[in-house]
Amino acid sequence: MDEKKLAIIATKGSLDWAYPPFILGSTAAALGYEVEIFFTFYGLQLLRKKLSLEVTPLGNPGMPMPLGMDKWFPVLGTALPGMQSMMTMMMKKKMADKGVASIDELRELCQEAEVRLIACQMTVDLFDLDTADFIDGVEYAGAARFFEFAGESDICMYI
């Protein structure tokens, strides 16, 4: 039987949206899947050597908030100065307390499991990004190259 394939498109560059592609990618690879993650637009932030990711509470009403704040604190209140940084700090602490790996660790796990990390060349060019800022081992390709893999994958996810 042929090896199963998982294709993931990562489009978001915040802390809360960084976990799904790396967790799903590393898990699938551990289960024997061939995995490719295509990073485009803001998702390219996840490939930077130095990560400075924050959570995105604004516009995310499903995000559980500490101290029951989701019941009494309006979503608009998350736009207050300093609120995003505070929530990022709280999220990182909660993840560490629960033993959840960091994004850096998950990303390394993906690379060790031979998950191919593909940066969208068009987006790199569009935003004048410096590829020297990205981790080693990243491949650069366009959407057509990604579709060659995604078109034959068993599962394709858009995150």
Protein backbone atom coordinates (compact mmCIF):
# COMPACT_ATOMS: atom_id res chain seq x y z
CA MET A 1 0.00 0.00 0.00
CA ASP A 2 1.24 3.49 -0.85
CA GLU A 3 2.22 5.88 1.88
CA LYS A 4 -0.63 8.22 2.85
CA LYS A 5 -0.14 11.94 2.24
CA LEU A 6 -1.23 15.01 4.20
CA ALA A 7 -1.12 18.49 2.68
CA ILE A 8 -1.58 21.53 4.93
CA ILE A 9 -1.89 25.17 3.91
CA ALA A 10 -0.85 27.51 6.77
CA THR A 11 -2.03 31.09 6.28
CA LYS A 12 -1.98 32.64 9.75
CA GLY A 13 0.99 33.91 11.72
CA SER A 14 -0.22 34.17 15.30
CA LEU A 15 0.60 32.01 18.32
CA ASP A 16 -2.82 30.38 18.53
CA TRP A 17 -2.83 29.56 14.81
CA ALA A 18 0.77 28.28 14.84
CA TYR A 19 -0.05 25.12 16.77
CA PRO A 20 -2.45 23.31 14.38
CA PRO A 21 -0.15 22.92 11.35
CA PHE A 22 2.82 21.79 13.43
CA ILE A 23 0.87 19.46 15.73
CA LEU A 24 -1.09 17.89 12.88
CA GLY A 25 1.98 17.69 10.64
CA SER A 26 4.23 16.07 13.23
CA THR A 27 1.48 13.66 14.33
CA ALA A 28 0.74 12.58 10.77
CA ALA A 29 4.46 12.08 10.09
CA ALA A 30 4.72 9.93 13.24
CA LEU A 31 1.85 7.85 11.88
CA GLY A 32 3.72 7.27 8.64
CA TYR A 33 2.18 9.98 6.44
CA GLU A 34 4.22 11.94 3.94
CA VAL A 35 3.54 15.56 4.95
CA GLU A 36 3.94 18.94 3.30
CA ILE A 37 3.01 22.26 4.89
CA PHE A 38 2.66 25.19 2.49
CA PHE A 39 3.15 28.52 4.30
CA THR A 40 1.65 31.52 2.57
CA PHE A 41 0.86 35.13 3.43
CA TYR A 42 0.98 35.62 7.22
CA GLY A 43 1.72 31.94 7.75
CA LEU A 44 5.29 32.69 6.64
CA GLN A 45 5.85 34.24 10.09
CA LEU A 46 5.92 30.69 11.46
CA LEU A 47 9.13 29.99 9.55
CA ARG A 48 11.16 32.84 11.07
CA LYS A 49 14.26 31.94 13.08
CA LYS A 50 13.19 34.34 15.83
CA LEU A 51 9.51 33.92 16.61
CA SER A 52 7.60 36.77 18.25
CA LEU A 53 4.10 35.37 17.96
CA GLU A 54 1.12 36.65 19.92
CA VAL A 55 -2.40 35.30 20.36
CA THR A 56 -5.27 36.88 18.45
CA PRO A 57 -8.13 37.36 20.92
CA LEU A 58 -9.75 40.16 18.93
CA GLY A 59 -12.21 38.70 16.46
CA ASN A 60 -11.94 35.28 18.08
CA PRO A 61 -15.04 35.02 20.28
CA GLY A 62 -14.55 31.28 20.77
CA MET A 63 -11.27 31.81 22.61
CA PRO A 64 -11.62 30.76 26.25
CA MET A 65 -10.57 33.61 28.49
CA PRO A 66 -9.15 33.37 32.01
CA LEU A 67 -11.20 34.14 35.10
CA GLY A 68 -14.43 33.69 33.16
CA MET A 69 -13.69 36.94 31.32
CA ASP A 70 -15.48 35.61 28.24
CA LYS A 71 -18.74 35.94 30.23
CA TRP A 72 -18.32 39.54 31.38
CA PHE A 73 -15.55 41.12 29.27
CA PRO A 74 -16.66 42.15 25.78
CA VAL A 75 -14.59 40.89 22.86
CA LEU A 76 -13.96 44.51 21.93
CA GLY A 77 -12.16 44.90 25.27
CA THR A 78 -9.40 42.67 23.96
CA ALA A 79 -8.36 45.60 21.74
CA LEU A 80 -7.26 47.61 24.80
CA PRO A 81 -3.54 48.47 24.83
CA GLY A 82 -1.49 45.71 26.41
CA MET A 83 -4.33 43.17 26.39
CA GLN A 84 -2.90 41.10 23.51
CA SER A 85 0.51 40.92 25.20
CA MET A 86 -1.07 39.94 28.51
CA MET A 87 -3.16 37.22 26.89
CA THR A 88 -0.11 35.94 24.98
CA MET A 89 1.84 35.67 28.24
CA MET A 90 -1.08 33.85 29.88
CA MET A 91 -1.43 31.44 26.94
CA LYS A 92 2.30 30.63 26.94
CA LYS A 93 2.20 29.98 30.69
CA LYS A 94 -0.84 27.73 30.36
CA MET A 95 0.80 25.76 27.54
CA ALA A 96 3.98 25.33 29.60
CA ASP A 97 1.99 24.33 32.72
CA LYS A 98 0.15 21.66 30.69
CA GLY A 99 3.37 20.36 29.15
CA VAL A 100 2.52 21.43 25.61
CA ALA A 101 5.61 21.80 23.42
CA SER A 102 6.60 25.26 22.22
CA ILE A 103 6.25 26.24 18.57
CA ASP A 104 10.04 26.04 18.21
CA GLU A 105 9.99 22.47 19.56
CA LEU A 106 7.07 21.40 17.36
CA ARG A 107 8.71 22.93 14.32
CA GLU A 108 11.94 21.03 15.04
CA LEU A 109 9.92 17.85 15.54
CA CYS A 110 8.37 18.35 12.11
CA GLN A 111 11.79 18.78 10.54
CA GLU A 112 13.17 15.70 12.30
CA ALA A 113 10.16 13.74 10.98
CA GLU A 114 10.94 14.97 7.44
CA VAL A 115 7.82 17.12 7.10
CA ARG A 116 8.51 19.36 4.12
CA LEU A 117 8.10 23.05 4.99
CA ILE A 118 7.35 24.99 1.82
CA ALA A 119 7.43 28.81 1.76
CA CYS A 120 5.28 30.43 -0.91
CA GLN A 121 7.78 32.13 -3.21
CA MET A 122 5.17 34.60 -4.51
CA THR A 123 4.40 35.79 -0.95
CA VAL A 124 8.10 36.04 -0.08
CA ASP A 125 8.54 38.28 -3.14
CA LEU A 126 5.32 40.23 -2.53
CA PHE A 127 6.29 41.23 1.01
CA ASP A 128 10.03 41.59 0.23
CA LEU A 129 10.86 39.06 2.92
CA ASP A 130 14.49 38.17 3.60
CA THR A 131 14.90 34.41 3.38
CA ALA A 132 17.94 34.70 5.70
CA ASP A 133 15.36 35.33 8.47
CA PHE A 134 13.86 31.87 7.94
CA ILE A 135 14.96 28.61 9.55
CA ASP A 136 17.20 26.24 7.62
CA GLY A 137 15.60 23.50 5.56
CA VAL A 138 12.72 25.55 4.16
CA GLU A 139 11.91 24.95 0.49
CA TYR A 140 10.65 27.78 -1.73
CA ALA A 141 8.01 27.10 -4.36
CA GLY A 142 4.83 28.41 -5.87
CA ALA A 143 1.27 27.25 -5.53
CA ALA A 144 1.51 25.10 -8.67
CA ARG A 145 4.33 23.06 -7.11
CA PHE A 146 2.27 22.62 -3.93
CA PHE A 147 -0.74 21.44 -5.95
CA GLU A 148 1.34 18.64 -7.44
CA PHE A 149 1.56 17.20 -3.92
CA ALA A 150 -1.86 18.30 -2.65
CA GLY A 151 -3.61 16.87 -5.71
CA GLU A 152 -2.40 13.40 -4.78
CA SER A 153 -2.80 13.75 -1.01
CA ASP A 154 -5.29 11.75 1.03
CA ILE A 155 -6.05 14.71 3.28
CA CYS A 156 -5.73 18.43 2.54
CA MET A 157 -6.24 21.02 5.30
CA TYR A 158 -6.49 24.80 5.18
CA ILE A 159 -5.46 26.43 8.46
